[in-house]
Amino acid sequence: MADPLDTVFSALADPTRRAILTMLLEDDMAVTDVAEPFEMSLAAISKHLTILTRAGLIQQEKRGRVKWCKLDPDAMRAASVWMQGFGQFEPVNLDAFERFLASELPDRQA
């Protein structure tokens, strides 16, 4: 069985799925409403929603005849914690580093 973190990152790798998650930040949506802005079939959107559901990023439930999608607020916690582990390193300012090297190293002219 795949690592849950691998499943989440795999689901997030697709731009359509990321767009769907962004839409669901606003509110729960019916599957047909999720599909509306995309130029793909309802079946293709359903496949994306299945992947997001298996990754635990969304939940789907049937209300009457309509299937609704809802963002799981805790779904990305493990991924977020994993990514924050890399936040301990300061970003390198390459321009400042280049200026430092230029001031410290003698010019090499052939």
PDB file of N, CA and C in Angstrom:
ATOM      1  N   MET A   1       0.848  -1.190   0.000  1.00  0.00           N
ATOM      2  CA  MET A   1       0.000   0.000   0.000  1.00  0.00           C
ATOM      3  C   MET A   1       0.888   1.246   0.000  1.00  0.00           C
ATOM      4  N   ALA A   2       0.493   2.257  -0.742  1.00  0.00           N
ATOM      5  CA  ALA A   2       1.284   3.473  -0.885  1.00  0.00           C
ATOM      6  C   ALA A   2       1.272   4.281   0.416  1.00  0.00           C
ATOM      7  N   ASP A   3       2.362   4.997   0.632  1.00  0.00           N
ATOM      8  CA  ASP A   3       2.477   5.915   1.752  1.00  0.00           C
ATOM      9  C   ASP A   3       1.414   7.011   1.567  1.00  0.00           C
ATOM     10  N   PRO A   4       0.650   7.350   2.608  1.00  0.00           N
ATOM     11  CA  PRO A   4      -0.384   8.384   2.467  1.00  0.00           C
ATOM     12  C   PRO A   4       0.180   9.719   1.958  1.00  0.00           C
ATOM     13  N   LEU A   5       1.394  10.051   2.360  1.00  0.00           N
ATOM     14  CA  LEU A   5       2.010  11.291   1.900  1.00  0.00           C
ATOM     15  C   LEU A   5       2.275  11.236   0.396  1.00  0.00           C
ATOM     16  N   ASP A   6       2.705  10.066  -0.094  1.00  0.00           N
ATOM     17  CA  ASP A   6       2.905   9.892  -1.540  1.00  0.00           C
ATOM     18  C   ASP A   6       1.590  10.066  -2.284  1.00  0.00           C
ATOM     19  N   THR A   7       0.521   9.537  -1.732  1.00  0.00           N
ATOM     20  CA  THR A   7      -0.792   9.629  -2.368  1.00  0.00           C
ATOM     21  C   THR A   7      -1.257  11.079  -2.441  1.00  0.00           C
ATOM     22  N   VAL A   8      -1.035  11.841  -1.370  1.00  0.00           N
ATOM     23  CA  VAL A   8      -1.423  13.257  -1.353  1.00  0.00           C
ATOM     24  C   VAL A   8      -0.623  14.035  -2.392  1.00  0.00           C
ATOM     25  N   PHE A   9       0.701  13.863  -2.399  1.00  0.00           N
ATOM     26  CA  PHE A   9       1.518  14.604  -3.359  1.00  0.00           C
ATOM     27  C   PHE A   9       1.218  14.193  -4.796  1.00  0.00           C
ATOM     28  N   SER A  10       0.918  12.939  -5.007  1.00  0.00           N
ATOM     29  CA  SER A  10       0.540  12.480  -6.345  1.00  0.00           C
ATOM     30  C   SER A  10      -0.752  13.158  -6.789  1.00  0.00           C
ATOM     31  N   ALA A  11      -1.706  13.262  -5.892  1.00  0.00           N
ATOM     32  CA  ALA A  11      -2.968  13.932  -6.212  1.00  0.00           C
ATOM     33  C   ALA A  11      -2.748  15.420  -6.482  1.00  0.00           C
ATOM     34  N   LEU A  12      -1.850  16.043  -5.733  1.00  0.00           N
ATOM     35  CA  LEU A  12      -1.584  17.470  -5.892  1.00  0.00           C
ATOM     36  C   LEU A  12      -0.742  17.783  -7.132  1.00  0.00           C
ATOM     37  N   ALA A  13      -0.154  16.768  -7.736  1.00  0.00           N
ATOM     38  CA  ALA A  13       0.725  16.991  -8.887  1.00  0.00           C
ATOM     39  C   ALA A  13      -0.028  17.454 -10.131  1.00  0.00           C
ATOM     40  N   ASP A  14      -1.320  17.218 -10.179  1.00  0.00           N
ATOM     41  CA  ASP A  14      -2.100  17.559 -11.363  1.00  0.00           C
ATOM     42  C   ASP A  14      -2.732  18.947 -11.221  1.00  0.00           C
ATOM     43  N   PRO A  15      -2.554  19.830 -12.208  1.00  0.00           N
ATOM     44  CA  PRO A  15      -3.113  21.187 -12.109  1.00  0.00           C
ATOM     45  C   PRO A  15      -4.638  21.227 -12.052  1.00  0.00           C
ATOM     46  N   THR A  16      -5.309  20.285 -12.692  1.00  0.00           N
ATOM     47  CA  THR A  16      -6.777  20.258 -12.618  1.00  0.00           C
ATOM     48  C   THR A  16      -7.220  19.963 -11.197  1.00  0.00           C
ATOM     49  N   ARG A  17      -6.564  19.012 -10.561  1.00  0.00           N
ATOM     50  CA  ARG A  17      -6.944  18.672  -9.182  1.00  0.00           C
ATOM     51  C   ARG A  17      -6.645  19.826  -8.226  1.00  0.00           C
ATOM     52  N   ARG A  18      -5.530  20.524  -8.456  1.00  0.00           N
ATOM     53  CA  ARG A  18      -5.235  21.692  -7.611  1.00  0.00           C
ATOM     54  C   ARG A  18      -6.297  22.768  -7.801  1.00  0.00           C
ATOM     55  N   ALA A  19      -6.740  22.962  -9.041  1.00  0.00           N
ATOM     56  CA  ALA A  19      -7.793  23.949  -9.312  1.00  0.00           C
ATOM     57  C   ALA A  19      -9.090  23.556  -8.622  1.00  0.00           C
ATOM     58  N   ILE A  20      -9.406  22.283  -8.635  1.00  0.00           N
ATOM     59  CA  ILE A  20     -10.614  21.802  -7.947  1.00  0.00           C
ATOM     60  C   ILE A  20     -10.524  22.088  -6.455  1.00  0.00           C
ATOM     61  N   LEU A  21      -9.382  21.820  -5.861  1.00  0.00           N
ATOM     62  CA  LEU A  21      -9.213  22.094  -4.429  1.00  0.00           C
ATOM     63  C   LEU A  21      -9.380  23.581  -4.135  1.00  0.00           C
ATOM     64  N   THR A  22      -8.856  24.424  -5.002  1.00  0.00           N
ATOM     65  CA  THR A  22      -9.007  25.872  -4.822  1.00  0.00           C
ATOM     66  C   THR A  22     -10.480  26.267  -4.869  1.00  0.00           C
ATOM     67  N   MET A  23     -11.224  25.677  -5.792  1.00  0.00           N
ATOM     68  CA  MET A  23     -12.657  25.965  -5.884  1.00  0.00           C
ATOM     69  C   MET A  23     -13.377  25.533  -4.609  1.00  0.00           C
ATOM     70  N   LEU A  24     -12.983  24.392  -4.063  1.00  0.00           N
ATOM     71  CA  LEU A  24     -13.661  23.864  -2.879  1.00  0.00           C
ATOM     72  C   LEU A  24     -13.275  24.605  -1.596  1.00  0.00           C
ATOM     73  N   LEU A  25     -12.257  25.469  -1.672  1.00  0.00           N
ATOM     74  CA  LEU A  25     -11.935  26.313  -0.516  1.00  0.00           C
ATOM     75  C   LEU A  25     -13.097  27.234  -0.175  1.00  0.00           C
ATOM     76  N   GLU A  26     -13.828  27.647  -1.217  1.00  0.00           N
ATOM     77  CA  GLU A  26     -14.937  28.581  -1.036  1.00  0.00           C
ATOM     78  C   GLU A  26     -16.138  27.939  -0.350  1.00  0.00           C
ATOM     79  N   ASP A  27     -16.534  26.750  -0.847  1.00  0.00           N
ATOM     80  CA  ASP A  27     -17.743  26.110  -0.321  1.00  0.00           C
ATOM     81  C   ASP A  27     -17.864  24.714  -0.930  1.00  0.00           C
ATOM     82  N   ASP A  28     -18.745  23.908  -0.364  1.00  0.00           N
ATOM     83  CA  ASP A  28     -19.063  22.610  -0.952  1.00  0.00           C
ATOM     84  C   ASP A  28     -19.672  22.848  -2.329  1.00  0.00           C
ATOM     85  N   MET A  29     -19.437  21.907  -3.239  1.00  0.00           N
ATOM     86  CA  MET A  29     -19.959  22.065  -4.591  1.00  0.00           C
ATOM     87  C   MET A  29     -20.495  20.741  -5.106  1.00  0.00           C
ATOM     88  N   ALA A  30     -21.529  20.820  -5.923  1.00  0.00           N
ATOM     89  CA  ALA A  30     -22.026  19.641  -6.625  1.00  0.00           C
ATOM     90  C   ALA A  30     -21.001  19.278  -7.693  1.00  0.00           C
ATOM     91  N   VAL A  31     -20.919  17.994  -8.012  1.00  0.00           N
ATOM     92  CA  VAL A  31     -19.964  17.518  -9.017  1.00  0.00           C
ATOM     93  C   VAL A  31     -20.152  18.265 -10.340  1.00  0.00           C
ATOM     94  N   THR A  32     -21.380  18.485 -10.735  1.00  0.00           N
ATOM     95  CA  THR A  32     -21.631  19.184 -12.003  1.00  0.00           C
ATOM     96  C   THR A  32     -21.105  20.617 -11.958  1.00  0.00           C
ATOM     97  N   ASP A  33     -21.179  21.263 -10.792  1.00  0.00           N
ATOM     98  CA  ASP A  33     -20.646  22.622 -10.654  1.00  0.00           C
ATOM     99  C   ASP A  33     -19.116  22.617 -10.678  1.00  0.00           C
ATOM    100  N   VAL A  34     -18.520  21.583 -10.107  1.00  0.00           N
ATOM    101  CA  VAL A  34     -17.063  21.449 -10.146  1.00  0.00           C
ATOM    102  C   VAL A  34     -16.617  21.307 -11.600  1.00  0.00           C
ATOM    103  N   ALA A  35     -17.348  20.548 -12.382  1.00  0.00           N
ATOM    104  CA  ALA A  35     -16.972  20.256 -13.768  1.00  0.00           C
ATOM    105  C   ALA A  35     -17.145  21.453 -14.699  1.00  0.00           C
ATOM    106  N   GLU A  36     -18.036  22.364 -14.351  1.00  0.00           N
ATOM    107  CA  GLU A  36     -18.423  23.446 -15.261  1.00  0.00           C
ATOM    108  C   GLU A  36     -17.268  24.248 -15.861  1.00  0.00           C
ATOM    109  N   PRO A  37     -16.297  24.720 -15.088  1.00  0.00           N
ATOM    110  CA  PRO A  37     -15.262  25.569 -15.695  1.00  0.00           C
ATOM    111  C   PRO A  37     -14.217  24.822 -16.533  1.00  0.00           C
ATOM    112  N   PHE A  38     -14.240  23.508 -16.508  1.00  0.00           N
ATOM    113  CA  PHE A  38     -13.216  22.730 -17.195  1.00  0.00           C
ATOM    114  C   PHE A  38     -13.707  22.256 -18.556  1.00  0.00           C
ATOM    115  N   GLU A  39     -12.800  22.237 -19.505  1.00  0.00           N
ATOM    116  CA  GLU A  39     -13.134  21.749 -20.840  1.00  0.00           C
ATOM    117  C   GLU A  39     -12.800  20.264 -20.935  1.00  0.00           C
ATOM    118  N   MET A  40     -13.512  19.477 -20.148  1.00  0.00           N
ATOM    119  CA  MET A  40     -13.359  18.020 -20.177  1.00  0.00           C
ATOM    120  C   MET A  40     -14.679  17.392 -19.783  1.00  0.00           C
ATOM    121  N   SER A  41     -14.793  16.121 -20.028  1.00  0.00           N
ATOM    122  CA  SER A  41     -16.052  15.428 -19.767  1.00  0.00           C
ATOM    123  C   SER A  41     -16.306  15.293 -18.262  1.00  0.00           C
ATOM    124  N   LEU A  42     -17.549  15.055 -17.941  1.00  0.00           N
ATOM    125  CA  LEU A  42     -17.923  14.812 -16.548  1.00  0.00           C
ATOM    126  C   LEU A  42     -17.231  13.556 -16.030  1.00  0.00           C
ATOM    127  N   ALA A  43     -17.051  12.565 -16.900  1.00  0.00           N
ATOM    128  CA  ALA A  43     -16.350  11.335 -16.511  1.00  0.00           C
ATOM    129  C   ALA A  43     -14.898  11.629 -16.133  1.00  0.00           C
ATOM    130  N   ALA A  44     -14.243  12.514 -16.880  1.00  0.00           N
ATOM    131  CA  ALA A  44     -12.852  12.871 -16.574  1.00  0.00           C
ATOM    132  C   ALA A  44     -12.774  13.600 -15.232  1.00  0.00           C
ATOM    133  N   ILE A  45     -13.711  14.517 -14.983  1.00  0.00           N
ATOM    134  CA  ILE A  45     -13.748  15.221 -13.694  1.00  0.00           C
ATOM    135  C   ILE A  45     -14.003  14.229 -12.569  1.00  0.00           C
ATOM    136  N   SER A  46     -14.886  13.275 -12.791  1.00  0.00           N
ATOM    137  CA  SER A  46     -15.168  12.256 -11.777  1.00  0.00           C
ATOM    138  C   SER A  46     -13.916  11.464 -11.416  1.00  0.00           C
ATOM    139  N   LYS A  47     -13.076  11.179 -12.410  1.00  0.00           N
ATOM    140  CA  LYS A  47     -11.814  10.479 -12.129  1.00  0.00           C
ATOM    141  C   LYS A  47     -10.906  11.328 -11.252  1.00  0.00           C
ATOM    142  N   HIS A  48     -10.824  12.623 -11.557  1.00  0.00           N
ATOM    143  CA  HIS A  48     -10.028  13.525 -10.719  1.00  0.00           C
ATOM    144  C   HIS A  48     -10.567  13.560  -9.286  1.00  0.00           C
ATOM    145  N   LEU A  49     -11.890  13.613  -9.164  1.00  0.00           N
ATOM    146  CA  LEU A  49     -12.506  13.646  -7.828  1.00  0.00           C
ATOM    147  C   LEU A  49     -12.254  12.342  -7.069  1.00  0.00           C
ATOM    148  N   THR A  50     -12.245  11.233  -7.768  1.00  0.00           N
ATOM    149  CA  THR A  50     -11.951   9.944  -7.128  1.00  0.00           C
ATOM    150  C   THR A  50     -10.528   9.936  -6.577  1.00  0.00           C
ATOM    151  N   ILE A  51      -9.587  10.468  -7.341  1.00  0.00           N
ATOM    152  CA  ILE A  51      -8.191  10.529  -6.888  1.00  0.00           C
ATOM    153  C   ILE A  51      -8.078  11.428  -5.662  1.00  0.00           C
ATOM    154  N   LEU A  52      -8.760  12.569  -5.686  1.00  0.00           N
ATOM    155  CA  LEU A  52      -8.729  13.476  -4.530  1.00  0.00           C
ATOM    156  C   LEU A  52      -9.374  12.831  -3.308  1.00  0.00           C
ATOM    157  N   THR A  53     -10.428  12.062  -3.529  1.00  0.00           N
ATOM    158  CA  THR A  53     -11.103  11.376  -2.427  1.00  0.00           C
ATOM    159  C   THR A  53     -10.214  10.294  -1.841  1.00  0.00           C
ATOM    160  N   ARG A  54      -9.580   9.487  -2.700  1.00  0.00           N
ATOM    161  CA  ARG A  54      -8.680   8.427  -2.219  1.00  0.00           C
ATOM    162  C   ARG A  54      -7.489   8.990  -1.460  1.00  0.00           C
ATOM    163  N   ALA A  55      -7.061  10.189  -1.844  1.00  0.00           N
ATOM    164  CA  ALA A  55      -5.950  10.841  -1.147  1.00  0.00           C
ATOM    165  C   ALA A  55      -6.410  11.457   0.168  1.00  0.00           C
ATOM    166  N   GLY A  56      -7.724  11.478   0.388  1.00  0.00           N
ATOM    167  CA  GLY A  56      -8.268  12.050   1.621  1.00  0.00           C
ATOM    168  C   GLY A  56      -8.373  13.563   1.587  1.00  0.00           C
ATOM    169  N   LEU A  57      -8.193  14.167   0.421  1.00  0.00           N
ATOM    170  CA  LEU A  57      -8.227  15.624   0.317  1.00  0.00           C
ATOM    171  C   LEU A  57      -9.641  16.180   0.260  1.00  0.00           C
ATOM    172  N   ILE A  58     -10.570  15.374  -0.246  1.00  0.00           N
ATOM    173  CA  ILE A  58     -11.976  15.783  -0.283  1.00  0.00           C
ATOM    174  C   ILE A  58     -12.843  14.623   0.181  1.00  0.00           C
ATOM    175  N   GLN A  59     -14.084  14.953   0.472  1.00  0.00           N
ATOM    176  CA  GLN A  59     -15.093  13.944   0.775  1.00  0.00           C
ATOM    177  C   GLN A  59     -16.234  14.152  -0.204  1.00  0.00           C
ATOM    178  N   GLN A  60     -16.839  13.059  -0.624  1.00  0.00           N
ATOM    179  CA  GLN A  60     -18.011  13.142  -1.493  1.00  0.00           C
ATOM    180  C   GLN A  60     -19.182  12.500  -0.777  1.00  0.00           C
ATOM    181  N   GLU A  61     -20.340  13.124  -0.915  1.00  0.00           N
ATOM    182  CA  GLU A  61     -21.541  12.551  -0.319  1.00  0.00           C
ATOM    183  C   GLU A  61     -22.727  12.830  -1.225  1.00  0.00           C
ATOM    184  N   LYS A  62     -23.656  11.921  -1.195  1.00  0.00           N
ATOM    185  CA  LYS A  62     -24.849  12.061  -2.018  1.00  0.00           C
ATOM    186  C   LYS A  62     -25.943  12.703  -1.172  1.00  0.00           C
ATOM    187  N   ARG A  63     -26.498  13.775  -1.697  1.00  0.00           N
ATOM    188  CA  ARG A  63     -27.632  14.459  -1.060  1.00  0.00           C
ATOM    189  C   ARG A  63     -28.774  14.428  -2.072  1.00  0.00           C
ATOM    190  N   GLY A  64     -29.700  13.532  -1.845  1.00  0.00           N
ATOM    191  CA  GLY A  64     -30.766  13.335  -2.828  1.00  0.00           C
ATOM    192  C   GLY A  64     -30.165  12.728  -4.083  1.00  0.00           C
ATOM    193  N   ARG A  65     -30.362  13.374  -5.201  1.00  0.00           N
ATOM    194  CA  ARG A  65     -29.824  12.878  -6.469  1.00  0.00           C
ATOM    195  C   ARG A  65     -28.469  13.508  -6.810  1.00  0.00           C
ATOM    196  N   VAL A  66     -28.030  14.429  -5.998  1.00  0.00           N
ATOM    197  CA  VAL A  66     -26.830  15.203  -6.320  1.00  0.00           C
ATOM    198  C   VAL A  66     -25.650  14.743  -5.460  1.00  0.00           C
ATOM    199  N   LYS A  67     -24.510  14.552  -6.107  1.00  0.00           N
ATOM    200  CA  LYS A  67     -23.286  14.202  -5.401  1.00  0.00           C
ATOM    201  C   LYS A  67     -22.518  15.486  -5.124  1.00  0.00           C
ATOM    202  N   TRP A  68     -22.186  15.695  -3.851  1.00  0.00           N
ATOM    203  CA  TRP A  68     -21.504  16.905  -3.419  1.00  0.00           C
ATOM    204  C   TRP A  68     -20.065  16.599  -3.039  1.00  0.00           C
ATOM    205  N   CYS A  69     -19.212  17.581  -3.229  1.00  0.00           N
ATOM    206  CA  CYS A  69     -17.794  17.480  -2.867  1.00  0.00           C
ATOM    207  C   CYS A  69     -17.498  18.519  -1.796  1.00  0.00           C
ATOM    208  N   LYS A  70     -16.672  18.099  -0.861  1.00  0.00           N
ATOM    209  CA  LYS A  70     -16.347  18.975   0.263  1.00  0.00           C
ATOM    210  C   LYS A  70     -14.866  18.805   0.580  1.00  0.00           C
ATOM    211  N   LEU A  71     -14.171  19.906   0.760  1.00  0.00           N
ATOM    212  CA  LEU A  71     -12.760  19.875   1.116  1.00  0.00           C
ATOM    213  C   LEU A  71     -12.611  19.355   2.540  1.00  0.00           C
ATOM    214  N   ASP A  72     -11.657  18.476   2.754  1.00  0.00           N
ATOM    215  CA  ASP A  72     -11.367  17.999   4.107  1.00  0.00           C
ATOM    216  C   ASP A  72     -10.322  18.935   4.689  1.00  0.00           C
ATOM    217  N   PRO A  73     -10.676  19.737   5.695  1.00  0.00           N
ATOM    218  CA  PRO A  73      -9.763  20.761   6.201  1.00  0.00           C
ATOM    219  C   PRO A  73      -8.456  20.223   6.781  1.00  0.00           C
ATOM    220  N   ASP A  74      -8.446  19.004   7.267  1.00  0.00           N
ATOM    221  CA  ASP A  74      -7.234  18.446   7.862  1.00  0.00           C
ATOM    222  C   ASP A  74      -6.426  17.599   6.877  1.00  0.00           C
ATOM    223  N   ALA A  75      -6.894  17.530   5.656  1.00  0.00           N
ATOM    224  CA  ALA A  75      -6.321  16.593   4.694  1.00  0.00           C
ATOM    225  C   ALA A  75      -4.853  16.836   4.386  1.00  0.00           C
ATOM    226  N   MET A  76      -4.430  18.077   4.349  1.00  0.00           N
ATOM    227  CA  MET A  76      -3.053  18.372   3.958  1.00  0.00           C
ATOM    228  C   MET A  76      -2.131  18.599   5.144  1.00  0.00           C
ATOM    229  N   ARG A  77      -2.604  18.277   6.322  1.00  0.00           N
ATOM    230  CA  ARG A  77      -1.786  18.523   7.514  1.00  0.00           C
ATOM    231  C   ARG A  77      -0.447  17.794   7.448  1.00  0.00           C
ATOM    232  N   ALA A  78      -0.444  16.512   7.122  1.00  0.00           N
ATOM    233  CA  ALA A  78       0.811  15.749   7.080  1.00  0.00           C
ATOM    234  C   ALA A  78       1.746  16.308   6.017  1.00  0.00           C
ATOM    235  N   ALA A  79       1.194  16.663   4.854  1.00  0.00           N
ATOM    236  CA  ALA A  79       2.026  17.238   3.793  1.00  0.00           C
ATOM    237  C   ALA A  79       2.587  18.592   4.212  1.00  0.00           C
ATOM    238  N   SER A  80       1.775  19.380   4.874  1.00  0.00           N
ATOM    239  CA  SER A  80       2.212  20.694   5.344  1.00  0.00           C
ATOM    240  C   SER A  80       3.319  20.566   6.387  1.00  0.00           C
ATOM    241  N   VAL A  81       3.153  19.643   7.317  1.00  0.00           N
ATOM    242  CA  VAL A  81       4.178  19.412   8.347  1.00  0.00           C
ATOM    243  C   VAL A  81       5.474  18.962   7.695  1.00  0.00           C
ATOM    244  N   TRP A  82       5.370  18.070   6.710  1.00  0.00           N
ATOM    245  CA  TRP A  82       6.562  17.586   6.015  1.00  0.00           C
ATOM    246  C   TRP A  82       7.276  18.740   5.309  1.00  0.00           C
ATOM    247  N   MET A  83       6.517  19.596   4.616  1.00  0.00           N
ATOM    248  CA  MET A  83       7.118  20.713   3.880  1.00  0.00           C
ATOM    249  C   MET A  83       7.707  21.757   4.826  1.00  0.00           C
ATOM    250  N   GLN A  84       7.092  21.971   5.980  1.00  0.00           N
ATOM    251  CA  GLN A  84       7.601  22.953   6.924  1.00  0.00           C
ATOM    252  C   GLN A  84       8.967  22.551   7.468  1.00  0.00           C
ATOM    253  N   GLY A  85       9.268  21.261   7.430  1.00  0.00           N
ATOM    254  CA  GLY A  85      10.577  20.807   7.858  1.00  0.00           C
ATOM    255  C   GLY A  85      11.698  21.415   7.036  1.00  0.00           C
ATOM    256  N   PHE A  86      11.390  21.819   5.817  1.00  0.00           N
ATOM    257  CA  PHE A  86      12.396  22.442   4.966  1.00  0.00           C
ATOM    258  C   PHE A  86      12.470  23.945   5.183  1.00  0.00           C
ATOM    259  N   GLY A  87      11.559  24.490   5.964  1.00  0.00           N
ATOM    260  CA  GLY A  87      11.540  25.922   6.230  1.00  0.00           C
ATOM    261  C   GLY A  87      12.637  26.373   7.165  1.00  0.00           C
ATOM    262  N   GLN A  88      13.364  25.434   7.737  1.00  0.00           N
ATOM    263  CA  GLN A  88      14.428  25.797   8.675  1.00  0.00           C
ATOM    264  C   GLN A  88      15.641  26.403   7.974  1.00  0.00           C
ATOM    265  N   PHE A  89      15.706  26.234   6.662  1.00  0.00           N
ATOM    266  CA  PHE A  89      16.834  26.759   5.912  1.00  0.00           C
ATOM    267  C   PHE A  89      16.477  28.125   5.355  1.00  0.00           C
ATOM    268  N   GLU A  90      17.391  29.056   5.493  1.00  0.00           N
ATOM    269  CA  GLU A  90      17.182  30.384   4.944  1.00  0.00           C
ATOM    270  C   GLU A  90      17.349  30.336   3.429  1.00  0.00           C
ATOM    271  N   PRO A  91      16.519  31.040   2.700  1.00  0.00           N
ATOM    272  CA  PRO A  91      16.710  31.070   1.254  1.00  0.00           C
ATOM    273  C   PRO A  91      18.011  31.793   0.911  1.00  0.00           C
ATOM    274  N   VAL A  92      18.650  31.328  -0.127  1.00  0.00           N
ATOM    275  CA  VAL A  92      19.915  31.921  -0.534  1.00  0.00           C
ATOM    276  C   VAL A  92      19.623  33.094  -1.465  1.00  0.00           C
ATOM    277  N   ASN A  93      20.203  34.239  -1.130  1.00  0.00           N
ATOM    278  CA  ASN A  93      20.096  35.405  -1.997  1.00  0.00           C
ATOM    279  C   ASN A  93      21.257  35.329  -2.974  1.00  0.00           C
ATOM    280  N   LEU A  94      20.974  34.867  -4.186  1.00  0.00           N
ATOM    281  CA  LEU A  94      22.038  34.629  -5.159  1.00  0.00           C
ATOM    282  C   LEU A  94      22.724  35.913  -5.605  1.00  0.00           C
ATOM    283  N   ASP A  95      21.997  37.018  -5.679  1.00  0.00           N
ATOM    284  CA  ASP A  95      22.623  38.289  -6.068  1.00  0.00           C
ATOM    285  C   ASP A  95      23.650  38.717  -5.021  1.00  0.00           C
ATOM    286  N   ALA A  96      23.274  38.607  -3.747  1.00  0.00           N
ATOM    287  CA  ALA A  96      24.211  38.975  -2.678  1.00  0.00           C
ATOM    288  C   ALA A  96      25.410  38.039  -2.668  1.00  0.00           C
ATOM    289  N   PHE A  97      25.172  36.762  -2.922  1.00  0.00           N
ATOM    290  CA  PHE A  97      26.262  35.791  -2.961  1.00  0.00           C
ATOM    291  C   PHE A  97      27.223  36.108  -4.101  1.00  0.00           C
ATOM    292  N   GLU A  98      26.672  36.482  -5.257  1.00  0.00           N
ATOM    293  CA  GLU A  98      27.512  36.832  -6.410  1.00  0.00           C
ATOM    294  C   GLU A  98      28.343  38.082  -6.109  1.00  0.00           C
ATOM    295  N   ARG A  99      27.744  39.081  -5.462  1.00  0.00           N
ATOM    296  CA  ARG A  99      28.498  40.290  -5.092  1.00  0.00           C
ATOM    297  C   ARG A  99      29.610  39.952  -4.105  1.00  0.00           C
ATOM    298  N   PHE A 100      29.314  39.075  -3.153  1.00  0.00           N
ATOM    299  CA  PHE A 100      30.320  38.647  -2.190  1.00  0.00           C
ATOM    300  C   PHE A 100      31.489  37.974  -2.901  1.00  0.00           C
ATOM    301  N   LEU A 101      31.185  37.053  -3.808  1.00  0.00           N
ATOM    302  CA  LEU A 101      32.246  36.365  -4.534  1.00  0.00           C
ATOM    303  C   LEU A 101      33.079  37.343  -5.363  1.00  0.00           C
ATOM    304  N   ALA A 102      32.428  38.301  -5.994  1.00  0.00           N
ATOM    305  CA  ALA A 102      33.139  39.292  -6.810  1.00  0.00           C
ATOM    306  C   ALA A 102      34.079  40.133  -5.954  1.00  0.00           C
ATOM    307  N   SER A 103      33.660  40.436  -4.738  1.00  0.00           N
ATOM    308  CA  SER A 103      34.514  41.259  -3.875  1.00  0.00           C
ATOM    309  C   SER A 103      35.646  40.468  -3.229  1.00  0.00           C
ATOM    310  N   GLU A 104      35.450  39.169  -3.049  1.00  0.00           N
ATOM    311  CA  GLU A 104      36.438  38.354  -2.370  1.00  0.00           C
ATOM    312  C   GLU A 104      37.432  37.674  -3.303  1.00  0.00           C
ATOM    313  N   LEU A 105      37.028  37.402  -4.514  1.00  0.00           N
ATOM    314  CA  LEU A 105      37.896  36.684  -5.444  1.00  0.00           C
ATOM    315  C   LEU A 105      38.521  37.667  -6.421  1.00  0.00           C
ATOM    316  N   PRO A 106      39.789  37.512  -6.675  1.00  0.00           N
ATOM    317  CA  PRO A 106      40.435  38.417  -7.651  1.00  0.00           C
ATOM    318  C   PRO A 106      39.879  38.146  -9.046  1.00  0.00           C
ATOM    319  N   ASP A 107      39.826  39.178  -9.826  1.00  0.00           N
ATOM    320  CA  ASP A 107      39.366  39.035 -11.220  1.00  0.00           C
ATOM    321  C   ASP A 107      40.326  38.121 -11.969  1.00  0.00           C
ATOM    322  N   ARG A 108      39.755  37.256 -12.733  1.00  0.00           N
ATOM    323  CA  ARG A 108      40.575  36.347 -13.557  1.00  0.00           C
ATOM    324  C   ARG A 108      40.424  36.785 -14.999  1.00  0.00           C
ATOM    325  N   GLN A 109      41.426  37.385 -15.492  1.00  0.00           N
ATOM    326  CA  GLN A 109      41.393  37.785 -16.890  1.00  0.00           C
ATOM    327  C   GLN A 109      42.489  37.069 -17.636  1.00  0.00           C
ATOM    328  N   ALA A 110      42.140  36.480 -18.781  1.00  0.00           N
ATOM    329  CA  ALA A 110      43.123  35.719 -19.538  1.00  0.00           C
ATOM    330  C   ALA A 110      43.837  36.574 -20.525  1.00  0.00           C
TER     331      ALA A 110
END
